[in-house]
Amino acid sequence: MCHSLKKNNKHSLEKKKTRNF
């Protein structure tokens, strides 16, 4: 569960970065 959440968080961050870019 923790691992999945961490992965999801990373993905969200990357998506946000791309959107910002």
Protein backbone atom coordinates (compact mmCIF):
# COMPACT_ATOMS: atom_id res chain seq x y z
CA MET A 1 0.00 0.00 0.00
CA CYS A 2 2.71 2.46 1.01
CA HIS A 3 4.75 1.57 -2.04
CA SER A 4 1.75 2.04 -4.33
CA LEU A 5 1.02 5.42 -2.80
CA LYS A 6 4.61 6.50 -3.25
CA LYS A 7 4.57 5.42 -6.89
CA ASN A 8 1.30 7.25 -7.46
CA ASN A 9 2.72 10.36 -5.85
CA LYS A 10 5.76 10.23 -8.12
CA HIS A 11 3.57 9.84 -11.17
CA SER A 12 1.39 12.76 -10.09
CA LEU A 13 4.46 14.91 -9.59
CA GLU A 14 5.80 14.02 -13.00
CA LYS A 15 2.45 14.74 -14.61
CA LYS A 16 2.28 18.09 -12.83
CA LYS A 17 5.79 18.93 -14.00
CA THR A 18 4.94 18.09 -17.60
CA ARG A 19 1.78 20.15 -17.41
CA ASN A 20 3.76 23.06 -16.00
CA PHE A 21 6.34 22.63 -18.69
